[in-house]
Amino acid sequence: MGWIITLIIGGIIGWLASIVMKTDAQMGPIANIIVGIVGSMLGFWLAGLLGIGAGSAIVGYVIAVIGAAVLIFLLKAVGVLK
C-alpha cells in the first residue's frame, strides 16, 4: 500500500514541478512519477544541507516540488528535456 501512495504523490509532485518548469507537454505520467520521486529525494537532501527542516506537511510538499523542479532544470541543462 505504501508503494501505491508513493507513486501517486510522486506523480502529483512531478506534475506540479513540470507545470512550474513549463515542461508539462513533454512529460507523460511515468516521467512525472520518476521526476517526482527522485526530485523529492533531491529536494530533501538539499534542504538538509541548508539546514531547512520540513516542520509541517505543507513545507515538505513545497520542498519536494522545488527538488523536482531543480531536477527538471538539470535534465534540461543536460539536454534530456527540451
Protein backbone atom coordinates (compact mmCIF):
# COMPACT_ATOMS: atom_id res chain seq x y z
CA MET A 1 0.00 0.00 0.00
CA GLY A 2 2.89 2.37 0.73
CA TRP A 3 4.25 1.99 -2.81
CA ILE A 4 0.91 2.97 -4.33
CA ILE A 5 0.75 6.13 -2.23
CA THR A 6 4.39 6.91 -3.10
CA LEU A 7 3.61 6.58 -6.81
CA ILE A 8 0.50 8.75 -6.57
CA ILE A 9 2.17 11.52 -4.56
CA GLY A 10 5.32 11.29 -6.71
CA GLY A 11 3.16 11.72 -9.81
CA ILE A 12 1.45 14.77 -8.35
CA ILE A 13 4.76 16.32 -7.26
CA GLY A 14 6.30 15.66 -10.69
CA TRP A 15 3.24 17.06 -12.45
CA LEU A 16 3.31 20.26 -10.36
CA ALA A 17 7.04 20.69 -10.99
CA SER A 18 6.55 20.15 -14.74
CA ILE A 19 3.89 22.87 -14.76
CA VAL A 20 6.23 25.26 -12.91
CA MET A 21 9.09 24.47 -15.32
CA LYS A 22 6.78 24.56 -18.38
CA THR A 23 7.62 21.01 -19.49
CA ASP A 24 4.17 19.55 -18.88
CA ALA A 25 3.51 18.88 -22.57
CA GLN A 26 6.77 16.92 -22.95
CA MET A 27 6.38 14.67 -19.91
CA GLY A 28 3.99 11.78 -19.52
CA PRO A 29 2.71 10.18 -16.33
CA ILE A 30 5.67 7.81 -15.95
CA ALA A 31 8.17 10.67 -16.30
CA ASN A 32 6.17 12.73 -13.79
CA ILE A 33 6.28 9.88 -11.26
CA ILE A 34 10.01 9.34 -11.68
CA VAL A 35 10.82 13.07 -11.55
CA GLY A 36 8.52 13.50 -8.55
CA ILE A 37 10.09 10.70 -6.52
CA VAL A 38 13.73 11.39 -7.43
CA GLY A 39 13.21 15.16 -7.24
CA SER A 40 11.67 14.85 -3.78
CA MET A 41 14.72 12.98 -2.57
CA LEU A 42 16.96 15.64 -4.14
CA GLY A 43 14.93 18.43 -2.55
CA PHE A 44 15.07 16.94 0.93
CA TRP A 45 18.81 16.27 0.55
CA LEU A 46 19.42 19.89 -0.48
CA ALA A 47 17.18 21.15 2.32
CA GLY A 48 19.16 19.07 4.79
CA LEU A 49 22.42 20.57 3.53
CA LEU A 50 20.97 24.04 4.02
CA GLY A 51 19.63 23.17 7.46
CA ILE A 52 16.00 23.55 6.45
CA GLY A 53 13.66 21.07 8.08
CA ALA A 54 10.17 20.12 6.99
CA GLY A 55 8.27 21.25 10.06
CA SER A 56 4.88 20.61 8.52
CA ALA A 57 3.44 18.59 5.67
CA ILE A 58 2.93 21.70 3.53
CA VAL A 59 6.59 22.69 3.87
CA GLY A 60 7.54 19.12 2.96
CA TYR A 61 5.46 19.23 -0.21
CA VAL A 62 6.96 22.59 -1.17
CA ILE A 63 10.47 21.20 -0.67
CA ALA A 64 9.52 18.18 -2.80
CA VAL A 65 8.19 20.34 -5.65
CA ILE A 66 11.28 22.57 -5.53
CA GLY A 67 13.51 19.50 -5.65
CA ALA A 68 11.61 18.11 -8.63
CA ALA A 69 11.85 21.49 -10.37
CA VAL A 70 15.62 21.50 -9.76
CA LEU A 71 15.80 18.01 -11.27
CA ILE A 72 13.86 19.15 -14.34
CA PHE A 73 16.22 22.14 -14.65
CA LEU A 74 19.22 19.80 -14.52
CA LEU A 75 17.64 17.48 -17.11
CA LYS A 76 17.02 20.46 -19.39
CA ALA A 77 20.61 21.66 -18.92
CA VAL A 78 21.98 18.24 -19.87
CA GLY A 79 19.68 18.07 -22.88
CA VAL A 80 17.41 15.21 -21.86
CA LEU A 81 14.38 17.55 -21.91
CA LYS A 82 13.83 20.36 -24.39
